[in-house]
C-alpha atoms as a PDB file:
ATOM      1  CA  MET A   1      73.155  68.282 103.227  1.00  0.00           C
ATOM      2  CA  ILE A   2      73.111  71.346 105.202  1.00  0.00           C
ATOM      3  CA  LEU A   3      75.040  69.424 108.302  1.00  0.00           C
ATOM      4  CA  GLY A   4      77.633  68.438 105.423  1.00  0.00           C
ATOM      5  CA  LYS A   5      78.318  71.698 104.430  1.00  0.00           C
ATOM      6  CA  PHE A   6      78.531  72.788 107.952  1.00  0.00           C
ATOM      7  CA  TRP A   7      81.191  70.165 108.751  1.00  0.00           C
ATOM      8  CA  SER A   8      82.713  71.135 105.389  1.00  0.00           C
ATOM      9  CA  ALA A   9      83.264  74.583 106.444  1.00  0.00           C
ATOM     10  CA  ILE A  10      84.604  73.725 109.459  1.00  0.00           C
ATOM     11  CA  ARG A  11      87.131  71.311 107.834  1.00  0.00           C
ATOM     12  CA  ALA A  12      88.046  74.552 105.679  1.00  0.00           C
ATOM     13  CA  GLN A  13      88.521  76.617 108.448  1.00  0.00           C
ATOM     14  CA  ILE A  14      90.733  73.979 110.555  1.00  0.00           C
ATOM     15  CA  ASN A  15      92.843  73.595 107.413  1.00  0.00           C
ATOM     16  CA  LYS A  16      93.420  77.273 107.037  1.00  0.00           C
ATOM     17  CA  ILE A  17      94.528  77.494 110.629  1.00  0.00           C
ATOM     18  CA  ALA A  18      96.755  74.333 110.149  1.00  0.00           C
ATOM     19  CA  ASN A  19      98.278  75.993 106.918  1.00  0.00           C
ATOM     20  CA  THR A  20      98.932  78.927 108.667  1.00  0.00           C
ATOM     21  CA  PHE A  21     100.955  77.393 111.652  1.00  0.00           C
ATOM     22  CA  TRP A  22     102.335  75.011 108.935  1.00  0.00           C
ATOM     23  CA  GLU A  23     103.710  77.931 106.856  1.00  0.00           C
ATOM     24  CA  ALA A  24     104.873  80.299 109.848  1.00  0.00           C
ATOM     25  CA  ASP A  25     108.054  78.519 110.212  1.00  0.00           C
ATOM     26  CA  PRO A  26     108.731  75.981 107.881  1.00  0.00           C
ATOM     27  CA  ILE A  27     112.122  74.944 109.366  1.00  0.00           C
ATOM     28  CA  ALA A  28     110.832  74.026 112.657  1.00  0.00           C
ATOM     29  CA  GLN A  29     108.188  72.012 110.975  1.00  0.00           C
ATOM     30  CA  MET A  30     110.849  70.283 108.916  1.00  0.00           C
ATOM     31  CA  GLN A  31     112.664  69.711 112.142  1.00  0.00           C
ATOM     32  CA  TYR A  32     109.603  68.472 113.748  1.00  0.00           C
ATOM     33  CA  GLU A  33     109.134  65.971 111.004  1.00  0.00           C
ATOM     34  CA  HIS A  34     112.720  64.942 111.406  1.00  0.00           C
ATOM     35  CA  ASP A  35     112.496  64.422 114.875  1.00  0.00           C
ATOM     36  CA  MET A  36     109.211  62.376 114.338  1.00  0.00           C
ATOM     37  CA  ALA A  37     111.046  59.839 111.719  1.00  0.00           C
ATOM     38  CA  LEU A  38     114.071  59.608 114.018  1.00  0.00           C
ATOM     39  CA  GLU A  39     111.942  58.476 116.709  1.00  0.00           C
ATOM     40  CA  GLN A  40     110.215  56.071 114.406  1.00  0.00           C
ATOM     41  CA  LEU A  41     113.554  55.053 113.328  1.00  0.00           C
ATOM     42  CA  LYS A  42     114.652  54.225 116.993  1.00  0.00           C
ATOM     43  CA  GLU A  43     111.733  52.072 117.724  1.00  0.00           C
ATOM     44  CA  GLY A  44     112.381  50.230 114.062  1.00  0.00           C
ATOM     45  CA  ARG A  45     115.766  49.856 115.277  1.00  0.00           C
ATOM     46  CA  GLN A  46     114.527  48.254 118.555  1.00  0.00           C
ATOM     47  CA  GLY A  47     112.128  46.120 116.982  1.00  0.00           C
ATOM     48  CA  LEU A  48     115.030  45.049 114.760  1.00  0.00           C
ATOM     49  CA  GLU A  49     117.230  44.167 117.436  1.00  0.00           C
ATOM     50  CA  ALA A  50     114.577  42.071 119.074  1.00  0.00           C
ATOM     51  CA  TYR A  51     113.913  40.117 115.561  1.00  0.00           C
ATOM     52  CA  ARG A  52     117.880  39.537 115.258  1.00  0.00           C
ATOM     53  CA  GLY A  53     117.720  37.844 118.726  1.00  0.00           C
ATOM     54  CA  LEU A  54     114.913  35.548 116.994  1.00  0.00           C
ATOM     55  CA  VAL A  55     117.292  34.857 114.166  1.00  0.00           C
ATOM     56  CA  GLU A  56     120.127  33.905 116.514  1.00  0.00           C
ATOM     57  CA  ARG A  57     117.938  31.482 118.765  1.00  0.00           C
ATOM     58  CA  PHE A  58     117.147  29.897 115.245  1.00  0.00           C
ATOM     59  CA  THR A  59     120.886  29.866 114.046  1.00  0.00           C
ATOM     60  CA  ARG A  60     121.621  28.351 117.659  1.00  0.00           C
ATOM     61  CA  GLN A  61     118.945  25.659 117.446  1.00  0.00           C
ATOM     62  CA  ALA A  62     120.136  24.766 113.669  1.00  0.00           C
ATOM     63  CA  ALA A  63     123.647  24.654 114.855  1.00  0.00           C
ATOM     64  CA  THR A  64     122.650  22.276 117.872  1.00  0.00           C
ATOM     65  CA  THR A  65     120.499  20.006 115.551  1.00  0.00           C
ATOM     66  CA  ARG A  66     123.715  19.686 113.031  1.00  0.00           C
ATOM     67  CA  ALA A  67     125.932  18.886 116.090  1.00  0.00           C
ATOM     68  CA  HIS A  68     123.370  15.928 117.175  1.00  0.00           C
ATOM     69  CA  ILE A  69     123.116  14.770 113.460  1.00  0.00           C
ATOM     70  CA  ALA A  70     126.862  14.784 113.436  1.00  0.00           C
ATOM     71  CA  LYS A  71     126.545  12.615 116.764  1.00  0.00           C
ATOM     72  CA  LEU A  72     123.903  10.078 115.483  1.00  0.00           C
ATOM     73  CA  GLU A  73     125.678   9.427 112.272  1.00  0.00           C
ATOM     74  CA  ALA A  74     128.789   8.535 113.940  1.00  0.00           C
ATOM     75  CA  GLU A  75     126.824   6.396 116.572  1.00  0.00           C
ATOM     76  CA  THR A  76     124.717   4.593 113.760  1.00  0.00           C
ATOM     77  CA  LYS A  77     127.990   3.949 111.858  1.00  0.00           C
ATOM     78  CA  ALA A  78     129.592   2.630 115.127  1.00  0.00           C
ATOM     79  CA  TYR A  79     126.700   0.416 116.103  1.00  0.00           C
ATOM     80  CA  LEU A  80     126.429  -0.939 112.261  1.00  0.00           C
ATOM     81  CA  LYS A  81     130.109  -1.957 112.296  1.00  0.00           C
ATOM     82  CA  SER A  82     129.796  -3.836 115.327  1.00  0.00           C
ATOM     83  CA  GLY A  83     127.106  -5.924 114.048  1.00  0.00           C
ATOM     84  CA  GLN A  84     124.176  -4.240 115.966  1.00  0.00           C
ATOM     85  CA  ARG A  85     121.836  -3.552 113.642  1.00  0.00           C
ATOM     86  CA  GLU A  86     118.778  -3.099 115.717  1.00  0.00           C
ATOM     87  CA  THR A  87     120.548  -0.347 117.766  1.00  0.00           C
ATOM     88  CA  ALA A  88     121.919   1.003 114.299  1.00  0.00           C
ATOM     89  CA  ALA A  89     118.500   1.183 113.092  1.00  0.00           C
ATOM     90  CA  LYS A  90     117.123   2.990 116.011  1.00  0.00           C
ATOM     91  CA  PHE A  91     119.936   5.580 115.743  1.00  0.00           C
ATOM     92  CA  ALA A  92     119.439   5.736 112.040  1.00  0.00           C
ATOM     93  CA  LEU A  93     115.491   6.750 112.662  1.00  0.00           C
ATOM     94  CA  GLU A  94     116.384   9.412 115.181  1.00  0.00           C
ATOM     95  CA  LEU A  95     118.827  10.780 112.788  1.00  0.00           C
ATOM     96  CA  GLN A  96     116.134  10.961 109.928  1.00  0.00           C
ATOM     97  CA  LYS A  97     114.145  12.840 112.322  1.00  0.00           C
ATOM     98  CA  ALA A  98     116.875  15.038 113.182  1.00  0.00           C
ATOM     99  CA  LYS A  99     117.606  15.965 109.642  1.00  0.00           C
ATOM    100  CA  GLN A 100     114.197  16.660 108.918  1.00  0.00           C
ATOM    101  CA  GLU A 101     114.153  18.916 112.423  1.00  0.00           C
ATOM    102  CA  LEU A 102     117.388  20.702 110.706  1.00  0.00           C
ATOM    103  CA  ALA A 103     115.805  21.244 107.308  1.00  0.00           C
ATOM    104  CA  GLY A 104     112.621  23.033 109.394  1.00  0.00           C
ATOM    105  CA  HIS A 105     115.097  25.014 111.379  1.00  0.00           C
ATOM    106  CA  GLU A 106     117.032  26.095 108.388  1.00  0.00           C
ATOM    107  CA  GLU A 107     113.930  27.159 106.135  1.00  0.00           C
ATOM    108  CA  GLN A 108     112.987  28.988 108.977  1.00  0.00           C
ATOM    109  CA  LEU A 109     116.445  30.681 109.647  1.00  0.00           C
ATOM    110  CA  LYS A 110     116.604  31.525 106.033  1.00  0.00           C
ATOM    111  CA  MET A 111     113.551  33.241 106.011  1.00  0.00           C
ATOM    112  CA  HIS A 112     113.986  35.069 109.025  1.00  0.00           C
ATOM    113  CA  GLU A 113     117.693  35.910 107.921  1.00  0.00           C
ATOM    114  CA  THR A 114     116.052  37.385 104.938  1.00  0.00           C
ATOM    115  CA  ALA A 115     113.444  39.445 106.587  1.00  0.00           C
ATOM    116  CA  TYR A 116     116.118  40.859 109.023  1.00  0.00           C
ATOM    117  CA  GLU A 117     118.234  41.646 106.000  1.00  0.00           C
ATOM    118  CA  ASN A 118     115.485  43.438 104.439  1.00  0.00           C
ATOM    119  CA  ASN A 119     114.385  45.600 107.459  1.00  0.00           C
ATOM    120  CA  LEU A 120     118.214  46.401 107.934  1.00  0.00           C
ATOM    121  CA  ARG A 121     118.568  47.737 104.589  1.00  0.00           C
ATOM    122  CA  LYS A 122     115.159  49.737 104.982  1.00  0.00           C
ATOM    123  CA  ILE A 123     116.384  51.102 108.420  1.00  0.00           C
ATOM    124  CA  LYS A 124     119.810  51.792 106.893  1.00  0.00           C
ATOM    125  CA  ASN A 125     118.124  53.604 103.820  1.00  0.00           C
ATOM    126  CA  ALA A 126     115.949  55.658 106.370  1.00  0.00           C
ATOM    127  CA  SER A 127     119.028  56.553 108.156  1.00  0.00           C
ATOM    128  CA  GLY A 128     120.663  57.970 105.084  1.00  0.00           C
ATOM    129  CA  LYS A 129     117.624  59.866 104.125  1.00  0.00           C
ATOM    130  CA  LEU A 130     117.218  61.491 107.639  1.00  0.00           C
ATOM    131  CA  ALA A 131     120.876  62.430 107.435  1.00  0.00           C
ATOM    132  CA  ASP A 132     120.224  64.200 103.992  1.00  0.00           C
ATOM    133  CA  VAL A 133     117.090  65.959 105.657  1.00  0.00           C
ATOM    134  CA  ARG A 134     119.223  67.200 108.356  1.00  0.00           C
ATOM    135  CA  THR A 135     121.670  68.669 105.862  1.00  0.00           C
ATOM    136  CA  LYS A 136     118.886  70.269 104.044  1.00  0.00           C
ATOM    137  CA  ILE A 137     117.521  71.511 107.123  1.00  0.00           C
ATOM    138  CA  GLN A 138     120.673  73.004 107.800  1.00  0.00           C
ATOM    139  CA  LYS A 139     120.996  74.316 104.349  1.00  0.00           C
ATOM    140  CA  TYR A 140     117.533  75.627 104.371  1.00  0.00           C
ATOM    141  CA  ASP A 141     117.787  77.316 107.498  1.00  0.00           C
ATOM    142  CA  SER A 142     121.049  79.302 106.204  1.00  0.00           C
ATOM    143  CA  GLU A 143     119.347  80.010 103.506  1.00  0.00           C
ATOM    144  CA  LEU A 144     116.231  81.538 104.661  1.00  0.00           C
ATOM    145  CA  LYS A 145     118.284  83.659 107.163  1.00  0.00           C
ATOM    146  CA  MET A 146     120.483  84.767 104.385  1.00  0.00           C
ATOM    147  CA  SER A 147     117.665  85.641 102.170  1.00  0.00           C
ATOM    148  CA  ALA A 148     115.975  87.550 105.119  1.00  0.00           C
ATOM    149  CA  ALA A 149     119.240  89.374 105.823  1.00  0.00           C
ATOM    150  CA  GLU A 150     119.560  90.334 101.979  1.00  0.00           C
ATOM    151  CA  ALA A 151     116.193  91.510 102.089  1.00  0.00           C
ATOM    152  CA  GLU A 152     116.461  93.922 105.022  1.00  0.00           C
ATOM    153  CA  ILE A 153     119.833  94.921 103.865  1.00  0.00           C
ATOM    154  CA  ALA A 154     117.964  95.861 100.480  1.00  0.00           C
ATOM    155  CA  LYS A 155     115.350  97.837 102.232  1.00  0.00           C
ATOM    156  CA  LEU A 156     117.807  99.723 104.378  1.00  0.00           C
ATOM    157  CA  ALA A 157     119.932 100.520 101.313  1.00  0.00           C
ATOM    158  CA  GLU A 158     116.576 102.035  99.668  1.00  0.00           C
ATOM    159  CA  SER A 159     115.964 103.964 102.764  1.00  0.00           C
ATOM    160  CA  PHE A 160     119.560 105.272 102.610  1.00  0.00           C
ATOM    161  CA  ASP A 161     119.072 106.433  99.031  1.00  0.00           C
ATOM    162  CA  MET A 162     119.037 110.228  99.646  1.00  0.00           C
ATOM    163  CA  ASN A 163     115.793 110.999  97.460  1.00  0.00           C
ATOM    164  CA  VAL A 164     113.467 113.335  98.186  1.00  0.00           C
ATOM    165  CA  THR A 165     110.727 110.790  98.703  1.00  0.00           C
ATOM    166  CA  THR A 166     112.733 108.933 101.280  1.00  0.00           C
ATOM    167  CA  ASP A 167     113.066 109.874 104.878  1.00  0.00           C
ATOM    168  CA  PHE A 168     117.103 110.481 104.726  1.00  0.00           C
ATOM    169  CA  GLY A 169     116.123 112.638 101.648  1.00  0.00           C
ATOM    170  CA  GLN A 170     113.803 114.709 103.272  1.00  0.00           C
ATOM    171  CA  ILE A 171     116.038 114.959 106.396  1.00  0.00           C
ATOM    172  CA  GLU A 172     118.910 116.054 104.018  1.00  0.00           C
ATOM    173  CA  GLN A 173     116.778 118.865 102.646  1.00  0.00           C
ATOM    174  CA  VAL A 174     116.371 120.117 106.330  1.00  0.00           C
ATOM    175  CA  ILE A 175     119.737 119.976 106.955  1.00  0.00           C
ATOM    176  CA  GLN A 176     120.746 121.856 103.920  1.00  0.00           C
ATOM    177  CA  ALA A 177     118.156 124.474 104.329  1.00  0.00           C
ATOM    178  CA  ARG A 178     119.585 124.987 107.881  1.00  0.00           C
ATOM    179  CA  ILE A 179     123.106 125.585 106.465  1.00  0.00           C
ATOM    180  CA  ASP A 180     121.838 127.506 103.812  1.00  0.00           C
ATOM    181  CA  LYS A 181     120.333 129.797 106.227  1.00  0.00           C
ATOM    182  CA  ASN A 182     123.292 129.841 108.578  1.00  0.00           C
ATOM    183  CA  ARG A 183     125.536 130.854 105.765  1.00  0.00           C
ATOM    184  CA  GLY A 184     122.913 133.595 104.773  1.00  0.00           C
ATOM    185  CA  LYS A 185     123.212 134.867 108.585  1.00  0.00           C
ATOM    186  CA  ALA A 186     126.737 134.980 108.251  1.00  0.00           C
ATOM    187  CA  ARG A 187     127.155 136.788 104.789  1.00  0.00           C
ATOM    188  CA  VAL A 188     124.595 139.283 106.054  1.00  0.00           C
ATOM    189  CA  ALA A 189     126.628 139.766 109.220  1.00  0.00           C
ATOM    190  CA  ALA A 190     129.909 140.368 107.083  1.00  0.00           C
ATOM    191  CA  ASP A 191     128.143 142.574 104.497  1.00  0.00           C
ATOM    192  CA  LEU A 192     126.885 144.416 107.647  1.00  0.00           C
ATOM    193  CA  SER A 193     129.856 144.825 109.311  1.00  0.00           C
ATOM    194  CA  ALA A 194     131.944 146.408 106.058  1.00  0.00           C
ATOM    195  CA  GLU A 195     129.120 148.822 105.725  1.00  0.00           C
ATOM    196  CA  GLY A 196     130.605 152.450 106.483  1.00  0.00           C
ATOM    197  CA  ILE A 197     134.051 151.107 106.510  1.00  0.00           C
ATOM    198  CA  GLN A 198     134.760 153.964 103.549  1.00  0.00           C
ATOM    199  CA  GLN A 199     133.494 156.361 105.350  1.00  0.00           C
ATOM    200  CA  ILE A 200     135.309 155.846 108.612  1.00  0.00           C
ATOM    201  CA  GLU A 201     138.691 155.571 106.317  1.00  0.00           C
ATOM    202  CA  ALA A 202     137.925 158.710 104.625  1.00  0.00           C
ATOM    203  CA  GLU A 203     137.469 160.774 107.880  1.00  0.00           C
ATOM    204  CA  GLU A 204     140.704 159.090 109.407  1.00  0.00           C
ATOM    205  CA  GLN A 205     142.603 160.359 106.039  1.00  0.00           C
ATOM    206  CA  MET A 206     140.913 163.754 106.567  1.00  0.00           C
ATOM    207  CA  GLN A 207     142.020 164.062 110.446  1.00  0.00           C
ATOM    208  CA  LYS A 208     145.533 162.828 109.446  1.00  0.00           C
ATOM    209  CA  ALA A 209     145.445 165.744 106.736  1.00  0.00           C
ATOM    210  CA  MET A 210     144.193 168.220 109.007  1.00  0.00           C
ATOM    211  CA  ALA A 211     146.745 167.300 111.602  1.00  0.00           C
ATOM    212  CA  GLU A 212     149.624 167.569 108.871  1.00  0.00           C
ATOM    213  CA  ASP A 213     148.103 170.883 108.199  1.00  0.00           C
ATOM    214  CA  ALA A 214     148.197 172.347 111.359  1.00  0.00           C
ATOM    215  CA  LEU A 215     151.751 171.190 112.158  1.00  0.00           C
ATOM    216  CA  THR A 216     152.835 172.834 108.653  1.00  0.00           C
ATOM    217  CA  GLN A 217     151.073 176.165 109.701  1.00  0.00           C
ATOM    218  CA  PHE A 218     152.807 175.848 113.110  1.00  0.00           C
ATOM    219  CA  GLU A 219     156.190 175.509 111.613  1.00  0.00           C
ATOM    220  CA  VAL A 220     155.620 178.366 109.432  1.00  0.00           C
ATOM    221  CA  GLU A 221     154.403 180.364 112.544  1.00  0.00           C
ATOM    222  CA  LEU A 222     157.907 179.593 113.948  1.00  0.00           C
ATOM    223  CA  GLY A 223     159.756 180.747 110.930  1.00  0.00           C
ATOM    224  CA  LEU A 224     160.669 176.999 110.210  1.00  0.00           C
ATOM    225  CA  ARG A 225     159.082 177.466 106.980  1.00  0.00           C
ATOM    226  CA  SER A 226     158.104 180.286 104.832  1.00  0.00           C
ATOM    227  CA  PRO A 227     154.558 180.589 103.247  1.00  0.00           C
ATOM    228  CA  GLU A 228     155.808 180.847  99.972  1.00  0.00           C
ATOM    229  CA  THR A 229     157.852 177.661 100.023  1.00  0.00           C
ATOM    230  CA  THR A 230     155.315 175.660 101.768  1.00  0.00           C
ATOM    231  CA  ALA A 231     153.962 172.905  99.535  1.00  0.00           C
ATOM    232  CA  VAL A 232     150.305 171.504  99.852  1.00  0.00           C
ATOM    233  CA  PRO A 233     150.748 168.537 102.200  1.00  0.00           C
ATOM    234  CA  GLN A 234     150.816 165.179 100.712  1.00  0.00           C
ATOM    235  CA  ALA A 235     147.913 163.963 102.587  1.00  0.00           C
ATOM    236  CA  GLN A 236     145.971 166.452 100.933  1.00  0.00           C
ATOM    237  CA  LYS A 237     146.898 165.571  97.455  1.00  0.00           C
ATOM    238  CA  ASP A 238     145.820 161.799  98.715  1.00  0.00           C
ATOM    239  CA  LEU A 239     142.641 162.833  99.692  1.00  0.00           C
ATOM    240  CA  GLY A 240     141.840 164.667  96.769  1.00  0.00           C
ATOM    241  CA  PRO A 241     139.828 168.191  96.213  1.00  0.00           C
ATOM    242  CA  ALA A 242     136.781 167.369  97.594  1.00  0.00           C
ATOM    243  CA  VAL A 243     138.353 166.225 100.995  1.00  0.00           C
ATOM    244  CA  ALA A 244     141.114 169.046 100.690  1.00  0.00           C
ATOM    245  CA  GLY A 245     138.696 171.654 100.573  1.00  0.00           C
ATOM    246  CA  LYS A 246     136.681 170.261 103.304  1.00  0.00           C
ATOM    247  CA  ALA A 247     139.812 170.402 105.171  1.00  0.00           C
ATOM    248  CA  THR A 248     140.679 174.214 104.295  1.00  0.00           C
ATOM    249  CA  ASN A 249     137.034 175.341 105.366  1.00  0.00           C
ATOM    250  CA  THR A 250     137.577 173.501 108.624  1.00  0.00           C
ATOM    251  CA  GLU A 251     140.751 175.781 109.119  1.00  0.00           C
ATOM    252  CA  THR A 252     139.055 179.040 108.044  1.00  0.00           C
ATOM    253  CA  THR A 253     136.391 178.032 110.644  1.00  0.00           C
END
């Protein structure tokens, strides 16, 4: 009993291994079965060809016997007409044996012809089924490859999804973070570059006002202008009281 269980366990493992190889590449397995059946079909065809040779031999024997019977019938009639009954009787007896022999040949010929036709139909049917198997192998092979390609495409399309849970989604977040950081640096640089521009512009306007004031004073000194008619320079009006006052303090100093 223990030994039986042992062998059962071994057979189970062997069957498991066989199923693993069987399911590993079903198309290759189908092709192998097709090739084996095709080889058997070739052997059957060779046997059928040899069997047809036997049928042809019986056909030839029957044809030869028929010709011999026809000859015996003619000779028997000829001897009978010529009054040679004894000789005619001998030919008649031989004719009877030939007819019996022909009946045996025809029976065997019919039997072998029927067997040949049956085997021929079987081989034709098997050939047709093998053709169907070849078509199915090509069909299943194409469908398996197509379904595998569709599965890979589906997997690839899922990985291309820009979701935060996918690799591409995480990579996209890193890229966007770097873009935001770079834009932030550019904005800070732009903001820092604009700092102090107003002060610089105010100082430039003050310098222009001071220069215009100095020129006006010089014109007064030359007598080109009188102090009473000299108006406040337009630049001082533009600068406002604070800047103009700062310019006057500078002149006084």
